[in-house]
C-alpha atoms as a PDB file:
ATOM      1  CA  UNK A   1       0.000   0.000   0.000  1.00  0.00           C
ATOM      2  CA  UNK A   2       2.960   2.320   0.453  1.00  0.00           C
ATOM      3  CA  UNK A   3       3.723   2.410  -3.278  1.00  0.00           C
ATOM      4  CA  UNK A   4       0.130   3.406  -4.060  1.00  0.00           C
ATOM      5  CA  UNK A   5       0.277   6.163  -1.459  1.00  0.00           C
ATOM      6  CA  UNK A   6       3.539   7.479  -2.877  1.00  0.00           C
ATOM      7  CA  UNK A   7       2.064   7.493  -6.401  1.00  0.00           C
ATOM      8  CA  UNK A   8      -1.042   9.362  -5.244  1.00  0.00           C
ATOM      9  CA  UNK A   9       1.054  11.955  -3.419  1.00  0.00           C
ATOM     10  CA  UNK A  10       3.242  12.319  -6.528  1.00  0.00           C
ATOM     11  CA  UNK A  11       0.100  12.832  -8.617  1.00  0.00           C
ATOM     12  CA  UNK A  12      -1.071  15.500  -6.144  1.00  0.00           C
ATOM     13  CA  UNK A  13       2.276  17.302  -6.269  1.00  0.00           C
ATOM     14  CA  UNK A  14       2.483  17.241 -10.078  1.00  0.00           C
ATOM     15  CA  UNK A  15      -1.141  18.335 -10.420  1.00  0.00           C
ATOM     16  CA  UNK A  16      -0.544  21.175  -7.972  1.00  0.00           C
ATOM     17  CA  UNK A  17       2.533  22.341  -9.876  1.00  0.00           C
ATOM     18  CA  UNK A  18       0.597  22.299 -13.130  1.00  0.00           C
ATOM     19  CA  UNK A  19      -2.342  24.169 -11.579  1.00  0.00           C
ATOM     20  CA  UNK A  20      -0.021  26.817 -10.111  1.00  0.00           C
ATOM     21  CA  UNK A  21       1.590  27.250 -13.530  1.00  0.00           C
ATOM     22  CA  UNK A  22      -1.803  27.859 -15.134  1.00  0.00           C
ATOM     23  CA  UNK A  23      -2.852  30.213 -12.330  1.00  0.00           C
ATOM     24  CA  UNK A  24       0.311  32.277 -12.677  1.00  0.00           C
ATOM     25  CA  UNK A  25      -0.522  32.802 -16.354  1.00  0.00           C
ATOM     26  CA  UNK A  26      -4.000  33.998 -15.360  1.00  0.00           C
ATOM     27  CA  UNK A  27      -5.823  30.879 -16.530  1.00  0.00           C
ATOM     28  CA  UNK A  28      -7.814  30.241 -13.347  1.00  0.00           C
ATOM     29  CA  UNK A  29     -10.394  28.057 -15.054  1.00  0.00           C
ATOM     30  CA  UNK A  30      -7.719  25.746 -16.427  1.00  0.00           C
ATOM     31  CA  UNK A  31      -6.052  25.642 -13.000  1.00  0.00           C
ATOM     32  CA  UNK A  32      -9.334  24.493 -11.452  1.00  0.00           C
ATOM     33  CA  UNK A  33      -9.806  21.932 -14.236  1.00  0.00           C
ATOM     34  CA  UNK A  34      -6.421  20.437 -13.412  1.00  0.00           C
ATOM     35  CA  UNK A  35      -6.453  20.647  -9.623  1.00  0.00           C
ATOM     36  CA  UNK A  36     -10.009  19.637  -8.680  1.00  0.00           C
ATOM     37  CA  UNK A  37      -9.923  16.117 -10.191  1.00  0.00           C
ATOM     38  CA  UNK A  38      -6.457  15.486  -8.747  1.00  0.00           C
ATOM     39  CA  UNK A  39      -7.518  16.637  -5.289  1.00  0.00           C
ATOM     40  CA  UNK A  40     -10.780  14.706  -5.533  1.00  0.00           C
ATOM     41  CA  UNK A  41      -9.011  11.498  -6.514  1.00  0.00           C
ATOM     42  CA  UNK A  42      -6.579  11.815  -3.623  1.00  0.00           C
ATOM     43  CA  UNK A  43      -9.333  12.542  -1.103  1.00  0.00           C
ATOM     44  CA  UNK A  44     -11.434   9.694  -2.416  1.00  0.00           C
ATOM     45  CA  UNK A  45      -8.677   7.077  -2.427  1.00  0.00           C
ATOM     46  CA  UNK A  46      -6.494   8.108   0.512  1.00  0.00           C
ATOM     47  CA  UNK A  47      -9.196   9.343   2.865  1.00  0.00           C
ATOM     48  CA  UNK A  48     -12.242   7.372   1.857  1.00  0.00           C
ATOM     49  CA  UNK A  49     -10.908   4.016   0.723  1.00  0.00           C
ATOM     50  CA  UNK A  50      -7.678   3.716   2.698  1.00  0.00           C
ATOM     51  CA  UNK A  51      -8.890   5.183   6.000  1.00  0.00           C
ATOM     52  CA  UNK A  52     -12.569   4.183   5.635  1.00  0.00           C
ATOM     53  CA  UNK A  53     -13.955   7.702   6.109  1.00  0.00           C
ATOM     54  CA  UNK A  54     -17.140   7.970   4.008  1.00  0.00           C
ATOM     55  CA  UNK A  55     -17.265  11.776   4.215  1.00  0.00           C
ATOM     56  CA  UNK A  56     -13.867  12.113   2.515  1.00  0.00           C
ATOM     57  CA  UNK A  57     -14.866   9.535  -0.094  1.00  0.00           C
ATOM     58  CA  UNK A  58     -17.992  11.473  -1.093  1.00  0.00           C
ATOM     59  CA  UNK A  59     -16.203  14.823  -0.925  1.00  0.00           C
ATOM     60  CA  UNK A  60     -13.588  13.383  -3.284  1.00  0.00           C
ATOM     61  CA  UNK A  61     -16.325  12.194  -5.640  1.00  0.00           C
ATOM     62  CA  UNK A  62     -17.863  15.698  -5.660  1.00  0.00           C
ATOM     63  CA  UNK A  63     -14.521  17.383  -6.372  1.00  0.00           C
ATOM     64  CA  UNK A  64     -13.742  14.887  -9.109  1.00  0.00           C
ATOM     65  CA  UNK A  65     -17.139  15.390 -10.725  1.00  0.00           C
ATOM     66  CA  UNK A  66     -16.813  19.182 -10.420  1.00  0.00           C
ATOM     67  CA  UNK A  67     -13.396  19.189 -12.062  1.00  0.00           C
ATOM     68  CA  UNK A  68     -14.527  16.944 -14.887  1.00  0.00           C
ATOM     69  CA  UNK A  69     -17.611  19.124 -15.313  1.00  0.00           C
ATOM     70  CA  UNK A  70     -15.428  22.220 -15.665  1.00  0.00           C
ATOM     71  CA  UNK A  71     -13.317  20.402 -18.215  1.00  0.00           C
ATOM     72  CA  UNK A  72     -16.400  19.370 -20.189  1.00  0.00           C
ATOM     73  CA  UNK A  73     -17.754  22.930 -20.043  1.00  0.00           C
ATOM     74  CA  UNK A  74     -14.535  24.419 -21.387  1.00  0.00           C
ATOM     75  CA  UNK A  75     -14.422  21.794 -24.154  1.00  0.00           C
ATOM     76  CA  UNK A  76     -18.026  22.609 -25.061  1.00  0.00           C
ATOM     77  CA  UNK A  77     -17.239  26.328 -25.174  1.00  0.00           C
ATOM     78  CA  UNK A  78     -14.121  25.747 -27.293  1.00  0.00           C
ATOM     79  CA  UNK A  79     -16.049  23.617 -29.780  1.00  0.00           C
ATOM     80  CA  UNK A  80     -18.689  26.334 -30.057  1.00  0.00           C
ATOM     81  CA  UNK A  81     -16.005  28.916 -30.823  1.00  0.00           C
ATOM     82  CA  UNK A  82     -14.469  26.668 -33.491  1.00  0.00           C
ATOM     83  CA  UNK A  83     -17.831  26.171 -35.166  1.00  0.00           C
ATOM     84  CA  UNK A  84     -18.502  29.922 -35.250  1.00  0.00           C
ATOM     85  CA  UNK A  85     -15.095  30.578 -36.817  1.00  0.00           C
ATOM     86  CA  UNK A  86     -15.599  27.835 -39.421  1.00  0.00           C
ATOM     87  CA  UNK A  87     -19.025  29.160 -40.461  1.00  0.00           C
ATOM     88  CA  UNK A  88     -17.672  32.649 -41.214  1.00  0.00           C
END
């Protein structure tokens, strides 16, 4: 179980670094898209599954779903912009 914990912490660190990089460039939406699923996955697996705390499991699920929802929303907006540019 220690290897899985180390990999999840590494994923959290790399996701945080990527989110900070996006935030420093002023892309706050992209930073949230990157960080929320990473944080949600870590909360869900480390807190909910490993330590058997249901509250952390469900909080992780909500953060993961929120981050993926933001990602889907930005993809939907980008596709709409591409279609408008192509029709002109």
